[in-house]
Every structure is written in C-alpha cells, then in structure tokens.
Amino acid sequence: MLADRALTHIREMIATARLGPGDRVNEVEIAAQLGISRAPVREAIRRLASSGLVVSEPNLGSRVVQIDMAKIRALYEVREALESMSAGLAAQRMTDAERAALLEMLDEHAAQMHGQGSSTYPAGSSDWDFHLAVLKGSRNEVAWRICGSDLRDLLSLLRARHGRRPGRGEQALLEHRWVAEAIRAGNADFASLLMAQHIRASRDNLFAVLSPVGRPEEKEDRYDSNVA
C-alpha cells in the first residue's frame, strides 16, 4: 500500500534525524522522492498526526512535533517502568533460540558500528530492534502495545536526538549486552535492574543534549557502570 510506504519513509527520515522537531513535513517533496501522488503521503501524515508525532495546522501545513521537557520526562518514566518489567519477564519467558538471537543481534550491531568506523549506534532502527525484541520476549501484550506501538513514533523522535552524541552508541551497545546476558542467564531481577538503568542513562543523555547544564538535581539516577 502506498500510504504504508510513505509512512515507512517518513519514519526513517525521523529515525535518521533528516527530520527533527519543528521541521516541516513537505508532502510535495516526499511524494516526489517516492514517485507517488500526494494522496498516500497525506494519509501517512494523518496517521502520524494521530500518534502524536506530527501536528497539522490550517494554512501552515504539518510539522514534526516539538516535545517539552516535562513530556520527555513522563515518556521515560513510562519506558522505565514497562521496559524494565519486560526485561525481567523476557528472562523468564524467552525461548533458548530467542535468547541466542538477541545476542546475535548485538553482535551484528557491533559489526555495523565497527564497519562504519563510528562510535554512534548504527543509523535507523537498530537500537529500537533490540528493545522490541525484549518487549516481544516478555509475552506481555499490554507492554508491547504501549511501548512497541502507541509510543513508537515519539520515542523514535527522541532517540534520533540523543543517539548521535559521541560515545553514547558504544555505551548503549554495552548496556544492551549486559541486559541480554542477564536475560540469557534467566536472572529476571538483574535483567530488570539493568534495563531500568539503561533507560535512565538514555534519558540523562538526552537531557544533556537538550540542556548544556544537564540535570544536576537527578544525578543519583545516572547509570552506575560498576553494577555489571
């Protein structure tokens, strides 16, 4: 379906930071890039508006939403609660094949990063692929719907903002591996703890990107790498 194709294209533009908060989503340009009419692009933009990623105003067109700090904090609170729970459940419910595939995925991410000669996480959905695999492995449909579907687009927008910070990619990959190893070992409590710390580290990294002074009032929440 052409609207699905347009939707995937716009999401990819956001995931790779080609479109950022406040940027105009130009349906004419996108239609030309894809070689399709404007109607399916308009439908894709409508879907993104329903998910909260795009805002449309009469006579002003559509733009990528700008998220304030309070909403960012709220989103990460939800992520931490649900994804840490999901990591613990995945440690209990994932099959041996799924546990092995999770670690193989991280090996592929490391190879991509090395191939790029970069300290940033591979562009696109690689980081999100890991989180989706853990959510799926939890066998919890509610956590999957909220984090894997309802909040997907907003979280993708935020990830594009902090994912390019020098050094964060290598650290995120290491944190992912710690979580995956705990899941493989079947240690639910440790997997949950490590995922919670990983989400907090991502949040703090994002706040550091958005504000030069960071968030000194919440330093106690920062990632303790000695836990591994």
Protein backbone atom coordinates (compact mmCIF):
# COMPACT_ATOMS: atom_id res chain seq x y z
CA MET A 1 0.00 0.00 0.00
CA LEU A 2 1.41 3.39 -1.00
CA ALA A 3 0.40 5.05 2.27
CA ASP A 4 2.35 2.40 4.19
CA ARG A 5 5.37 3.05 2.01
CA ALA A 6 5.14 6.77 2.65
CA LEU A 7 4.71 6.15 6.38
CA THR A 8 7.85 4.00 6.49
CA HIS A 9 9.78 6.64 4.56
CA ILE A 10 8.81 9.48 6.90
CA ARG A 11 9.58 7.37 9.95
CA GLU A 12 13.01 6.59 8.50
CA MET A 13 13.65 10.29 7.89
CA ILE A 14 12.89 10.97 11.55
CA ALA A 15 14.89 7.99 12.84
CA THR A 16 17.96 9.18 10.92
CA ALA A 17 17.47 12.82 12.01
CA ARG A 18 16.75 14.08 8.50
CA LEU A 19 13.55 15.45 10.02
CA GLY A 20 13.67 16.88 13.51
CA PRO A 21 11.35 18.63 15.96
CA GLY A 22 9.63 21.61 14.35
CA ASP A 23 10.67 20.65 10.81
CA ARG A 24 8.03 20.85 8.10
CA VAL A 25 6.81 17.56 6.65
CA ASN A 26 6.57 18.55 3.00
CA GLU A 27 4.15 16.21 1.27
CA VAL A 28 5.09 17.52 -2.18
CA GLU A 29 8.78 16.75 -1.68
CA ILE A 30 8.10 13.36 -0.12
CA ALA A 31 5.74 12.41 -2.95
CA ALA A 32 8.43 13.36 -5.46
CA GLN A 33 11.09 11.37 -3.59
CA LEU A 34 8.91 8.27 -3.68
CA GLY A 35 7.48 8.83 -7.16
CA ILE A 36 3.89 8.69 -5.94
CA SER A 37 0.96 11.07 -5.71
CA ARG A 38 0.35 13.34 -2.74
CA ALA A 39 -2.75 11.45 -1.55
CA PRO A 40 -0.94 8.49 0.09
CA VAL A 41 1.62 10.87 1.61
CA ARG A 42 -1.24 12.89 3.06
CA GLU A 43 -2.70 9.68 4.53
CA ALA A 44 0.67 8.77 6.06
CA ILE A 45 0.92 12.23 7.64
CA ARG A 46 -2.59 11.84 9.01
CA ARG A 47 -1.59 8.58 10.70
CA LEU A 48 1.48 10.19 12.20
CA ALA A 49 -0.66 13.03 13.50
CA SER A 50 -2.90 10.50 15.25
CA SER A 51 0.17 9.03 17.00
CA GLY A 52 1.25 12.49 18.16
CA LEU A 53 4.41 12.66 16.05
CA VAL A 54 3.13 15.30 13.63
CA VAL A 55 1.00 18.38 14.22
CA SER A 56 -1.06 19.91 11.43
CA GLU A 57 -2.43 23.44 11.38
CA PRO A 58 -4.68 25.08 8.77
CA ASN A 59 -2.70 27.08 6.21
CA LEU A 60 0.58 26.17 7.94
CA GLY A 61 0.96 22.55 6.88
CA SER A 62 2.37 19.74 9.00
CA ARG A 63 5.42 19.75 11.23
CA VAL A 64 7.22 17.26 13.42
CA VAL A 65 6.04 17.79 16.99
CA GLN A 66 8.21 19.63 19.49
CA ILE A 67 8.19 17.88 22.87
CA ASP A 68 8.77 19.83 26.08
CA MET A 69 10.94 18.60 28.92
CA ALA A 70 8.00 17.63 31.14
CA LYS A 71 6.60 15.30 28.46
CA ILE A 72 10.02 13.82 27.78
CA ARG A 73 10.37 13.03 31.47
CA ALA A 74 6.91 11.44 31.52
CA LEU A 75 7.68 9.31 28.46
CA TYR A 76 10.86 7.98 30.01
CA GLU A 77 9.10 7.22 33.28
CA VAL A 78 6.68 5.03 31.34
CA ARG A 79 9.52 3.43 29.38
CA GLU A 80 11.50 2.64 32.50
CA ALA A 81 8.53 1.04 34.26
CA LEU A 82 7.35 -1.08 31.34
CA GLU A 83 10.64 -1.99 29.70
CA SER A 84 12.36 -2.96 32.93
CA MET A 85 9.38 -5.18 33.75
CA SER A 86 9.54 -6.62 30.22
CA ALA A 87 13.24 -7.44 30.56
CA GLY A 88 12.52 -9.39 33.73
CA LEU A 89 9.67 -11.25 32.07
CA ALA A 90 11.80 -11.95 29.00
CA ALA A 91 14.40 -13.59 31.26
CA GLN A 92 11.66 -15.95 32.40
CA ARG A 93 9.74 -16.46 29.16
CA MET A 94 12.10 -16.22 26.19
CA THR A 95 13.00 -19.46 24.44
CA ASP A 96 16.64 -20.52 24.18
CA ALA A 97 16.53 -19.63 20.48
CA GLU A 98 15.24 -16.13 21.23
CA ARG A 99 17.94 -15.56 23.86
CA ALA A 100 20.63 -16.61 21.38
CA ALA A 101 19.11 -14.42 18.66
CA LEU A 102 19.17 -11.42 21.00
CA LEU A 103 22.93 -11.74 21.49
CA GLU A 104 23.47 -12.40 17.77
CA MET A 105 21.60 -9.17 17.04
CA LEU A 106 24.02 -7.26 19.26
CA ASP A 107 26.99 -8.88 17.51
CA GLU A 108 25.55 -7.58 14.23
CA HIS A 109 25.14 -4.10 15.71
CA ALA A 110 28.76 -4.14 16.89
CA ALA A 111 29.93 -5.23 13.43
CA GLN A 112 27.93 -2.44 11.79
CA MET A 113 29.39 0.10 14.18
CA HIS A 114 32.91 -1.16 13.54
CA GLY A 115 32.29 -1.15 9.79
CA GLN A 116 31.17 2.47 9.93
CA GLY A 117 34.27 3.40 11.94
CA SER A 118 31.91 5.20 14.27
CA SER A 119 31.11 5.36 17.99
CA THR A 120 27.43 6.01 17.28
CA TYR A 121 24.79 3.31 17.11
CA PRO A 122 24.02 2.13 13.55
CA ALA A 123 21.60 4.55 11.89
CA GLY A 124 17.94 3.64 11.56
CA SER A 125 16.06 1.19 13.74
CA SER A 126 18.91 -0.98 15.13
CA ASP A 127 18.66 0.32 18.70
CA TRP A 128 14.89 0.02 18.62
CA ASP A 129 15.14 -3.53 17.23
CA PHE A 130 16.77 -4.64 20.49
CA HIS A 131 14.09 -3.07 22.66
CA LEU A 132 11.32 -4.52 20.50
CA ALA A 133 12.86 -7.99 20.79
CA VAL A 134 12.87 -7.73 24.58
CA LEU A 135 9.28 -6.44 24.62
CA LYS A 136 8.19 -9.28 22.35
CA GLY A 137 10.03 -11.80 24.50
CA SER A 138 8.16 -10.64 27.60
CA ARG A 139 4.92 -12.08 26.14
CA ASN A 140 3.12 -9.10 27.69
CA GLU A 141 0.71 -7.69 25.10
CA VAL A 142 -0.04 -4.52 27.08
CA ALA A 143 3.64 -3.53 27.40
CA TRP A 144 4.10 -4.31 23.69
CA ARG A 145 1.13 -2.17 22.67
CA ILE A 146 2.18 0.83 24.73
CA CYS A 147 5.94 0.88 24.12
CA GLY A 148 6.11 -1.01 20.84
CA SER A 149 3.19 0.67 19.11
CA ASP A 150 1.47 3.61 20.80
CA LEU A 151 4.67 5.44 21.80
CA ARG A 152 6.86 4.14 18.98
CA ASP A 153 6.96 7.30 16.89
CA LEU A 154 7.55 9.73 19.76
CA LEU A 155 10.33 7.56 21.16
CA SER A 156 11.90 7.32 17.70
CA LEU A 157 11.99 11.10 17.53
CA LEU A 158 13.73 11.35 20.90
CA ARG A 159 16.16 8.56 20.04
CA ALA A 160 17.26 10.44 16.93
CA ARG A 161 18.13 13.43 19.12
CA HIS A 162 20.41 11.70 21.61
CA GLY A 163 21.68 8.75 19.57
CA ARG A 164 24.30 10.76 17.69
CA ARG A 165 26.09 12.02 20.82
CA PRO A 166 29.77 10.95 20.66
CA GLY A 167 30.44 7.84 22.72
CA ARG A 168 26.82 7.13 23.56
CA GLY A 169 26.48 4.43 20.90
CA GLU A 170 29.29 2.30 22.30
CA GLN A 171 27.97 2.68 25.84
CA ALA A 172 24.40 1.86 24.76
CA LEU A 173 25.64 -1.28 22.99
CA LEU A 174 27.46 -2.35 26.16
CA GLU A 175 24.33 -1.72 28.24
CA HIS A 176 22.28 -3.75 25.77
CA ARG A 177 24.73 -6.62 26.07
CA TRP A 178 24.52 -6.58 29.86
CA VAL A 179 20.73 -6.81 29.65
CA ALA A 180 20.91 -9.61 27.07
CA GLU A 181 23.38 -11.60 29.16
CA ALA A 182 21.11 -11.34 32.20
CA ILE A 183 18.17 -12.49 30.09
CA ARG A 184 20.19 -15.43 28.73
CA ALA A 185 21.12 -16.40 32.30
CA GLY A 186 17.46 -16.29 33.31
CA ASN A 187 18.18 -13.69 36.01
CA ALA A 188 14.92 -11.74 35.94
CA ASP A 189 15.69 -9.30 38.76
CA PHE A 190 19.11 -8.39 37.34
CA ALA A 191 17.75 -8.02 33.78
CA SER A 192 15.04 -5.69 35.09
CA LEU A 193 17.54 -3.62 37.06
CA LEU A 194 19.94 -3.29 34.12
CA MET A 195 17.16 -2.28 31.73
CA ALA A 196 15.90 0.37 34.17
CA GLN A 197 19.42 1.80 34.46
CA HIS A 198 19.82 1.71 30.68
CA ILE A 199 16.59 3.69 30.18
CA ARG A 200 17.69 6.24 32.80
CA ALA A 201 21.07 6.57 31.10
CA SER A 202 19.33 7.24 27.77
CA ARG A 203 17.10 9.81 29.42
CA ASP A 204 20.01 11.59 31.09
CA ASN A 205 21.95 11.57 27.83
CA LEU A 206 19.00 13.18 26.06
CA PHE A 207 18.69 15.87 28.71
CA ALA A 208 22.41 16.56 28.41
CA VAL A 209 21.96 17.05 24.66
CA LEU A 210 18.98 19.36 25.12
CA SER A 211 20.46 21.34 28.01
CA PRO A 212 24.20 22.13 28.36
CA VAL A 213 23.89 22.13 32.14
CA GLY A 214 22.17 18.72 32.18
CA ARG A 215 20.02 17.72 35.12
CA PRO A 216 22.14 18.06 38.29
CA GLU A 217 19.09 17.64 40.50
CA GLU A 218 18.81 13.99 39.39
CA LYS A 219 22.45 12.89 39.39
CA GLU A 220 21.62 9.99 41.68
CA ASP A 221 19.68 8.43 38.78
CA ARG A 222 22.68 8.28 36.45
CA TYR A 223 23.92 4.94 35.19
CA ASP A 224 26.27 3.11 37.52
CA SER A 225 28.51 1.12 35.19
CA ASN A 226 30.01 -0.72 38.16
CA VAL A 227 26.80 -2.69 38.56
CA ALA A 228 27.90 -5.05 35.78
